[in-house]
C-alpha cells in the first residue's frame, strides 16, 4: 500500500531555508561558507589505496574476488569482511606526505588490518583471557581500527599495545611494542569503504572518513557517506536485490542516486573505545523504515511503501525525522516506532530467532548508544544528496 505524507507548508519553508542558509546561522548574519561534506572528502585527493575490485553480478559469496579482507572470525556473526581502506598523511603545512612514507604505511596497514586469526590464536595459547582478546580484535569498529592507525603514526598510545602491534605485545614491556611513528605527520585520515554487495549482514554501501590531528587522537572528526540501495544484488546467501528508493511524483526511478552525508565534529566528545563512536545506522535505520522503504511485503525485493508528490515533500519527511531524532525525548519516540521493524522479516541476515538479532535490536533502539539516546551531541550537519546535488542540509 502506498502512503503519502502531507507536510505542513511551514515545514516546507524551513526546508527551503535549510538549503539556502548554512547550518547554525541566521538570515542577515555573515558566516564563513560551509563546504559540503562530500567536497571535504573529495578535496583530500588520492591516498594510499587498498581497494577491492567491484563484485560481479554473478558473485554468490561476498569474498569472491576480494583481495582485502578483515577477519571477524571470533565475532558473534563470524565472517570475513571485504573492506577498502584509503590512507592520507599531511604535514603541518597541510601538504600530503603519504607518498613519501609508503613502505611504512603499508606495514602499519598489514599489522592492523591484515591480522591472521589462526596465528593470533596459536600465539595466545595458554593465555587466560585469550578468548576475550580474540573476540575484541574481531569486534573492533572500523573507526577504532582507524584510531589505531593514527596511534601508530603519531606514536600516541591509547589502545593496548597487544592490539596495535600483535600478540607478542601482551606483555607491554616486550621488545618491538613501540615505534617512532612518522614524526613529520601532523594529520592522519583513514577512509573505510564497505560495498553493500559484499556485506550481506549489513547491506548498505557506505564510507567512513576518520581524521585525527597529532596530540588530539581522542577527538577525531568523522564523515559518514551512506548510499540508499538502488537495485543492488547482494552477493550472499539470500541473493536479494535491494532498492529502498520511494516513489516521487509517481515514478519509482525519479531519482537514481540518494546519499546521506553525516558529520561528527571533532569537539563533540572524547572517542577512545568502540562504543565512543556513533553508528551510522543511528541515522540510516530510522530513515530506511520511516521515510524510504517502510512496511513492505518482502524487503528482499525492490519495493517501498512511500510515495511523495515531489522532491520537496520527500526532503521534508527526512527533515522531520532528523529534527525529532536530535533529542533523547524525540529519539525515544522514534525508537518505539522502529520497534516492529527490528524483526526477522527485515533483519533476516541474523540467525533465525537467535541472540544476534536480539543484541542488534537492543543496541540500535537503546538509550545508551542507540536511537533512543538521540543524535546530539555526536552528529552535527547531515546533508541529503540526490543525483549528485545537495538537496538539503540539516
Protein backbone atom coordinates (compact mmCIF):
# COMPACT_ATOMS: atom_id res chain seq x y z
CA UNK A 1 0.00 0.00 0.00
CA UNK A 2 1.32 3.45 -0.89
CA UNK A 3 1.38 6.02 1.87
CA UNK A 4 1.52 9.74 1.13
CA UNK A 5 2.85 12.12 3.76
CA UNK A 6 1.24 15.56 3.98
CA UNK A 7 3.86 18.03 5.23
CA UNK A 8 2.80 21.42 6.64
CA UNK A 9 3.67 24.43 4.50
CA UNK A 10 5.65 25.98 7.37
CA UNK A 11 7.98 22.97 7.38
CA UNK A 12 8.47 23.17 3.63
CA UNK A 13 9.60 26.77 4.12
CA UNK A 14 12.05 25.57 6.75
CA UNK A 15 13.49 23.08 4.27
CA UNK A 16 13.98 25.86 1.74
CA UNK A 17 15.89 27.85 4.35
CA UNK A 18 17.94 24.80 5.24
CA UNK A 19 19.02 24.56 1.60
CA UNK A 20 19.92 28.21 1.24
CA UNK A 21 21.46 29.01 4.64
CA UNK A 22 24.38 27.28 6.39
CA UNK A 23 23.53 25.26 9.48
CA UNK A 24 23.83 27.27 12.68
CA UNK A 25 23.46 30.71 11.01
CA UNK A 26 20.53 33.03 10.53
CA UNK A 27 19.49 35.27 7.70
CA UNK A 28 21.33 38.60 7.87
CA UNK A 29 24.48 37.29 9.54
CA UNK A 30 27.83 36.85 7.84
CA UNK A 31 29.41 33.44 8.30
CA UNK A 32 32.19 31.52 6.59
CA UNK A 33 30.95 29.42 3.68
CA UNK A 34 30.07 25.88 4.66
CA UNK A 35 31.93 23.38 2.48
CA UNK A 36 29.66 20.43 1.60
CA UNK A 37 30.75 17.22 3.27
CA UNK A 38 31.36 15.37 0.01
CA UNK A 39 33.67 18.18 -1.11
CA UNK A 40 35.64 17.86 2.13
CA UNK A 41 36.30 14.23 1.26
CA UNK A 42 36.90 14.79 -2.44
CA UNK A 43 39.37 17.56 -1.59
CA UNK A 44 41.69 15.04 0.04
CA UNK A 45 42.94 13.89 -3.35
CA UNK A 46 44.33 10.37 -3.73
CA UNK A 47 45.60 8.47 -0.73
CA UNK A 48 47.38 5.14 -0.35
CA UNK A 49 44.70 2.70 -1.51
CA UNK A 50 43.86 -0.88 -0.59
CA UNK A 51 40.73 -1.39 -2.71
CA UNK A 52 38.83 -4.49 -3.78
CA UNK A 53 37.52 -4.78 -7.31
CA UNK A 54 33.74 -4.37 -7.59
CA UNK A 55 31.86 -7.61 -7.07
CA UNK A 56 30.48 -9.11 -10.26
CA UNK A 57 26.78 -9.62 -10.88
CA UNK A 58 27.28 -13.39 -10.84
CA UNK A 59 29.03 -13.49 -7.46
CA UNK A 60 27.41 -15.79 -4.90
CA UNK A 61 29.73 -15.03 -1.99
CA UNK A 62 30.87 -11.65 -0.59
CA UNK A 63 34.52 -12.68 -0.70
CA UNK A 64 34.50 -13.56 -4.42
CA UNK A 65 37.44 -11.75 -6.00
CA UNK A 66 38.24 -9.74 -2.85
CA UNK A 67 41.90 -9.10 -2.04
CA UNK A 68 41.48 -7.03 1.10
CA UNK A 69 39.53 -8.65 3.93
CA UNK A 70 39.30 -8.04 7.66
CA UNK A 71 38.62 -11.32 9.52
CA UNK A 72 35.90 -11.29 12.17
CA UNK A 73 36.26 -14.97 12.95
CA UNK A 74 35.59 -14.66 16.67
CA UNK A 75 32.66 -12.23 16.46
CA UNK A 76 29.10 -13.27 17.25
CA UNK A 77 28.47 -13.25 13.49
CA UNK A 78 31.70 -14.97 12.49
CA UNK A 79 32.64 -13.85 8.99
CA UNK A 80 35.21 -12.17 6.81
CA UNK A 81 34.59 -8.54 5.90
CA UNK A 82 35.83 -7.38 2.49
CA UNK A 83 36.79 -3.77 3.05
CA UNK A 84 38.54 -0.98 1.19
CA UNK A 85 40.94 1.32 3.02
CA UNK A 86 42.49 4.60 1.87
CA UNK A 87 45.09 6.44 3.96
CA UNK A 88 46.37 10.03 3.83
CA UNK A 89 49.08 11.76 5.86
CA UNK A 90 49.51 15.54 5.94
CA UNK A 91 52.30 17.65 7.45
CA UNK A 92 51.88 20.84 9.50
CA UNK A 93 51.52 22.90 6.30
CA UNK A 94 48.70 20.63 5.11
CA UNK A 95 50.77 19.08 2.35
CA UNK A 96 50.25 15.35 1.61
CA UNK A 97 53.22 13.20 2.60
CA UNK A 98 51.83 9.65 2.46
CA UNK A 99 53.59 9.02 -0.84
CA UNK A 100 56.97 9.62 0.79
CA UNK A 101 56.43 7.06 3.59
CA UNK A 102 54.50 4.43 1.67
CA UNK A 103 56.60 1.47 2.86
CA UNK A 104 55.96 2.35 6.50
CA UNK A 105 52.23 2.85 5.90
CA UNK A 106 51.91 -0.49 4.13
CA UNK A 107 53.50 -2.17 7.17
CA UNK A 108 51.10 -0.41 9.53
CA UNK A 109 48.13 -1.34 7.35
CA UNK A 110 49.15 -5.01 7.33
CA UNK A 111 49.70 -5.17 11.09
CA UNK A 112 46.34 -3.55 11.90
CA UNK A 113 44.02 -4.83 9.18
CA UNK A 114 45.65 -8.00 7.81
CA UNK A 115 45.82 -9.97 11.02
CA UNK A 116 45.76 -13.76 10.87
CA UNK A 117 43.22 -15.16 13.39
CA UNK A 118 44.80 -18.61 13.45
CA UNK A 119 48.27 -17.21 14.12
CA UNK A 120 46.89 -14.99 16.88
CA UNK A 121 45.11 -17.94 18.46
CA UNK A 122 48.30 -20.00 18.34
CA UNK A 123 50.41 -17.24 19.88
CA UNK A 124 47.84 -16.68 22.62
CA UNK A 125 47.68 -20.37 23.57
CA UNK A 126 47.73 -20.67 27.34
CA UNK A 127 46.82 -17.02 27.92
CA UNK A 128 43.99 -16.86 30.46
CA UNK A 129 41.82 -14.32 28.59
CA UNK A 130 42.74 -15.42 25.08
CA UNK A 131 39.09 -15.89 24.04
CA UNK A 132 38.19 -12.35 25.08
CA UNK A 133 41.22 -10.94 23.28
CA UNK A 134 40.37 -12.70 20.03
CA UNK A 135 36.76 -11.59 20.25
CA UNK A 136 37.75 -7.96 20.85
CA UNK A 137 40.17 -8.00 17.91
CA UNK A 138 37.35 -9.41 15.76
CA UNK A 139 34.84 -6.84 17.02
CA UNK A 140 36.80 -3.62 16.55
CA UNK A 141 34.73 -0.90 14.86
CA UNK A 142 36.17 0.48 11.64
CA UNK A 143 36.67 3.78 13.45
CA UNK A 144 38.65 2.06 16.20
CA UNK A 145 40.95 0.48 13.62
CA UNK A 146 41.47 3.89 12.02
CA UNK A 147 42.26 5.21 15.50
CA UNK A 148 44.93 2.53 15.87
CA UNK A 149 46.47 3.69 12.59
CA UNK A 150 46.62 7.26 13.96
CA UNK A 151 48.13 5.99 17.22
CA UNK A 152 50.88 4.19 15.32
CA UNK A 153 51.62 7.16 13.06
CA UNK A 154 51.74 9.65 15.96
CA UNK A 155 53.24 7.20 18.48
CA UNK A 156 50.39 8.07 20.86
CA UNK A 157 49.22 5.13 22.96
CA UNK A 158 45.50 4.74 23.67
CA UNK A 159 44.69 1.19 22.56
CA UNK A 160 46.67 -1.54 24.40
CA UNK A 161 49.88 -2.44 22.51
CA UNK A 162 48.61 -6.01 22.13
CA UNK A 163 46.12 -4.76 19.52
CA UNK A 164 48.38 -2.14 17.98
CA UNK A 165 51.37 -4.47 17.47
CA UNK A 166 50.19 -8.06 17.88
CA UNK A 167 50.11 -10.95 20.40
CA UNK A 168 53.82 -10.68 21.22
CA UNK A 169 52.94 -7.41 22.99
CA UNK A 170 50.60 -8.94 25.54
CA UNK A 171 53.45 -8.03 27.89
CA UNK A 172 53.71 -4.29 27.28
CA UNK A 173 57.42 -4.35 28.07
CA UNK A 174 58.23 -6.84 25.33
CA UNK A 175 60.61 -5.84 22.57
CA UNK A 176 59.02 -4.45 19.42
CA UNK A 177 55.99 -2.92 21.16
CA UNK A 178 56.92 0.68 20.47
CA UNK A 179 57.87 2.53 17.33
CA UNK A 180 58.92 6.03 16.39
CA UNK A 181 55.85 6.65 14.30
CA UNK A 182 56.10 9.13 11.44
CA UNK A 183 57.32 12.37 13.05
CA UNK A 184 56.60 14.60 10.06
CA UNK A 185 52.89 13.65 10.04
CA UNK A 186 50.53 16.20 11.59
CA UNK A 187 47.21 14.74 10.45
CA UNK A 188 46.04 11.21 9.65
CA UNK A 189 42.98 10.47 7.53
CA UNK A 190 41.62 6.95 7.02
CA UNK A 191 38.64 6.30 4.78
CA UNK A 192 36.88 2.94 5.10
CA UNK A 193 34.74 1.66 2.20
CA UNK A 194 32.05 -1.02 2.59
CA UNK A 195 30.28 -2.23 -0.55
CA UNK A 196 26.71 -3.39 0.11
CA UNK A 197 27.13 -6.16 -2.46
CA UNK A 198 29.94 -7.59 -0.31
CA UNK A 199 28.23 -7.10 3.05
CA UNK A 200 25.22 -9.41 3.41
CA UNK A 201 24.99 -8.83 7.18
CA UNK A 202 24.76 -5.04 6.76
CA UNK A 203 23.91 -4.37 3.11
CA UNK A 204 24.40 -0.61 2.80
CA UNK A 205 27.17 0.87 0.66
CA UNK A 206 28.95 3.38 2.87
CA UNK A 207 32.21 5.05 3.71
CA UNK A 208 33.61 6.36 6.98
CA UNK A 209 36.23 9.11 6.79
CA UNK A 210 38.22 9.37 10.03
CA UNK A 211 40.51 12.36 10.59
CA UNK A 212 42.75 12.97 13.61
CA UNK A 213 45.45 15.51 14.40
CA UNK A 214 48.64 14.92 16.36
CA UNK A 215 48.02 15.33 20.07
CA UNK A 216 44.25 15.03 19.57
CA UNK A 217 43.69 11.38 18.67
CA UNK A 218 40.86 11.13 21.20
CA UNK A 219 38.98 13.90 19.35
CA UNK A 220 38.72 12.79 15.72
CA UNK A 221 36.40 14.16 13.06
CA UNK A 222 34.15 11.69 11.22
CA UNK A 223 32.25 11.97 7.96
CA UNK A 224 29.77 9.22 7.03
CA UNK A 225 28.55 8.64 3.49
CA UNK A 226 25.51 6.37 3.13
CA UNK A 227 24.11 5.31 -0.23
CA UNK A 228 20.45 4.29 -0.30
CA UNK A 229 20.20 0.86 -2.05
CA UNK A 230 19.03 1.44 -5.62
CA UNK A 231 18.82 -2.00 -7.17
CA UNK A 232 21.83 -3.78 -5.65
CA UNK A 233 22.11 -7.55 -5.92
CA UNK A 234 23.82 -8.81 -2.77
CA UNK A 235 26.48 -11.50 -3.06
CA UNK A 236 25.25 -13.51 -0.11
CA UNK A 237 23.11 -16.47 0.88
CA UNK A 238 19.78 -14.75 0.14
CA UNK A 239 20.73 -13.29 -3.27
CA UNK A 240 18.37 -10.40 -2.58
CA UNK A 241 18.04 -7.31 -4.77
CA UNK A 242 17.62 -4.21 -2.63
CA UNK A 243 16.03 -0.94 -3.69
CA UNK A 244 14.73 1.36 -0.95
CA UNK A 245 14.03 4.40 -3.13
CA UNK A 246 10.48 5.70 -2.67
CA UNK A 247 8.17 6.80 -5.46
CA UNK A 248 8.48 10.52 -6.21
CA UNK A 249 5.96 12.20 -8.47
CA UNK A 250 4.53 8.80 -9.36
CA UNK A 251 7.87 7.40 -10.57
CA UNK A 252 9.91 4.75 -8.79
CA UNK A 253 13.02 5.76 -10.78
CA UNK A 254 12.59 9.50 -10.32
CA UNK A 255 15.93 9.61 -8.52
CA UNK A 256 18.80 7.30 -9.43
CA UNK A 257 21.13 8.02 -6.51
CA UNK A 258 20.31 9.12 -2.95
CA UNK A 259 23.11 9.68 -0.46
CA UNK A 260 23.10 10.79 3.15
CA UNK A 261 26.22 12.55 4.41
CA UNK A 262 26.63 12.98 8.17
CA UNK A 263 29.25 14.94 10.10
CA UNK A 264 30.58 14.13 13.57
CA UNK A 265 32.62 17.17 14.68
CA UNK A 266 35.96 16.69 16.41
CA UNK A 267 34.92 18.64 19.51
CA UNK A 268 31.75 16.67 20.27
CA UNK A 269 33.29 14.13 22.66
CA UNK A 270 36.35 12.05 23.53
CA UNK A 271 36.42 8.85 21.47
CA UNK A 272 38.67 6.03 22.60
CA UNK A 273 36.74 2.75 22.67
CA UNK A 274 34.31 1.15 20.20
CA UNK A 275 31.12 2.50 21.70
CA UNK A 276 32.51 6.04 21.90
CA UNK A 277 31.97 6.11 18.13
CA UNK A 278 28.39 6.71 16.95
CA UNK A 279 26.98 4.20 14.48
CA UNK A 280 25.94 5.45 11.04
CA UNK A 281 22.90 3.16 11.41
CA UNK A 282 21.51 5.56 14.01
CA UNK A 283 20.76 7.78 11.02
CA UNK A 284 20.15 5.16 8.35
CA UNK A 285 17.85 2.70 10.13
CA UNK A 286 15.19 5.31 11.03
CA UNK A 287 15.33 6.79 7.52
CA UNK A 288 15.04 3.36 5.92
CA UNK A 289 11.95 2.31 7.82
CA UNK A 290 10.19 5.65 8.35
CA UNK A 291 10.95 7.60 5.15
CA UNK A 292 12.42 5.29 2.47
CA UNK A 293 11.32 1.65 2.33
CA UNK A 294 8.70 1.46 5.07
CA UNK A 295 6.46 -1.53 5.71
CA UNK A 296 6.65 -3.81 2.67
CA UNK A 297 5.62 -7.40 1.99
CA UNK A 298 9.12 -8.61 1.08
CA UNK A 299 12.15 -6.45 1.95
CA UNK A 300 14.40 -8.69 -0.19
CA UNK A 301 12.99 -7.30 -3.44
CA UNK A 302 12.79 -3.73 -4.77
CA UNK A 303 9.87 -2.05 -3.03
CA UNK A 304 8.84 0.97 -0.99
CA UNK A 305 5.66 1.81 0.88
CA UNK A 306 6.26 5.55 0.49
CA UNK A 307 5.10 7.83 -2.31
CA UNK A 308 5.85 11.55 -2.35
CA UNK A 309 4.29 14.09 -4.69
CA UNK A 310 7.64 15.76 -5.31
CA UNK A 311 11.20 16.04 -4.01
CA UNK A 312 10.30 18.84 -1.59
CA UNK A 313 7.87 16.61 0.30
CA UNK A 314 10.40 13.78 0.34
CA UNK A 315 13.11 16.02 1.79
CA UNK A 316 10.62 17.41 4.30
CA UNK A 317 9.86 13.90 5.55
CA UNK A 318 13.57 13.28 6.09
CA UNK A 319 13.94 16.62 7.84
CA UNK A 320 11.05 15.89 10.20
CA UNK A 321 12.67 12.63 11.29
CA UNK A 322 16.14 14.09 11.73
CA UNK A 323 14.82 17.01 13.75
CA UNK A 324 12.92 14.68 16.08
CA UNK A 325 15.87 12.34 16.49
CA UNK A 326 18.17 15.09 17.73
CA UNK A 327 17.00 14.84 21.36
CA UNK A 328 16.65 11.85 23.70
CA UNK A 329 12.94 12.56 24.05
CA UNK A 330 12.40 12.53 20.29
CA UNK A 331 14.81 9.63 19.83
CA UNK A 332 12.80 7.56 22.30
CA UNK A 333 9.63 8.16 20.27
CA UNK A 334 11.39 7.18 17.06
CA UNK A 335 12.83 4.06 18.72
CA UNK A 336 9.29 2.99 19.66
CA UNK A 337 8.15 3.46 16.05
CA UNK A 338 11.11 1.42 14.83
CA UNK A 339 10.46 -1.48 17.21
CA UNK A 340 8.24 -3.53 14.85
CA UNK A 341 10.81 -3.25 12.06
CA UNK A 342 13.67 -4.71 14.14
CA UNK A 343 12.38 -8.19 13.41
CA UNK A 344 13.40 -11.28 11.49
CA UNK A 345 11.42 -10.08 8.48
CA UNK A 346 13.71 -7.12 7.85
CA UNK A 347 16.86 -8.39 9.56
CA UNK A 348 16.81 -11.92 8.17
CA UNK A 349 20.62 -11.81 7.89
CA UNK A 350 20.80 -12.59 11.61
CA UNK A 351 20.29 -16.18 12.68
CA UNK A 352 16.63 -17.09 12.97
CA UNK A 353 15.36 -16.19 16.44
CA UNK A 354 18.91 -16.09 17.75
CA UNK A 355 20.79 -13.84 20.12
CA UNK A 356 22.35 -11.91 17.25
CA UNK A 357 19.09 -10.18 16.33
CA UNK A 358 18.18 -9.58 19.98
CA UNK A 359 21.54 -7.93 20.61
CA UNK A 360 21.28 -5.80 17.47
CA UNK A 361 17.77 -4.71 18.36
CA UNK A 362 18.80 -3.70 21.88
CA UNK A 363 21.83 -1.84 20.56
CA UNK A 364 20.05 0.12 17.80
CA UNK A 365 16.95 1.01 19.81
CA UNK A 366 18.62 1.54 23.20
CA UNK A 367 19.30 4.77 25.07
CA UNK A 368 22.98 4.06 25.73
CA UNK A 369 24.36 4.09 22.19
CA UNK A 370 21.18 3.75 20.14
CA UNK A 371 18.41 5.80 18.58
CA UNK A 372 16.74 6.48 21.94
CA UNK A 373 19.85 8.39 23.07
CA UNK A 374 19.29 10.99 20.37
CA UNK A 375 21.68 12.15 17.65
CA UNK A 376 23.02 15.11 19.64
CA UNK A 377 25.72 15.92 20.55
CA UNK A 378 27.51 13.41 18.32
CA UNK A 379 26.02 14.30 14.96
CA UNK A 380 26.36 17.76 13.52
CA UNK A 381 25.39 18.61 9.95
CA UNK A 382 23.51 16.00 7.92
CA UNK A 383 23.18 16.51 4.16
CA UNK A 384 20.92 14.85 1.61
CA UNK A 385 22.22 14.45 -1.94
CA UNK A 386 20.12 13.34 -4.89
CA UNK A 387 21.75 12.54 -8.21
CA UNK A 388 24.91 14.36 -7.17
CA UNK A 389 23.26 17.58 -5.95
CA UNK A 390 22.75 18.67 -2.34
CA UNK A 391 19.02 18.96 -1.74
CA UNK A 392 19.09 19.93 1.94
CA UNK A 393 21.40 20.40 4.91
CA UNK A 394 20.10 19.87 8.44
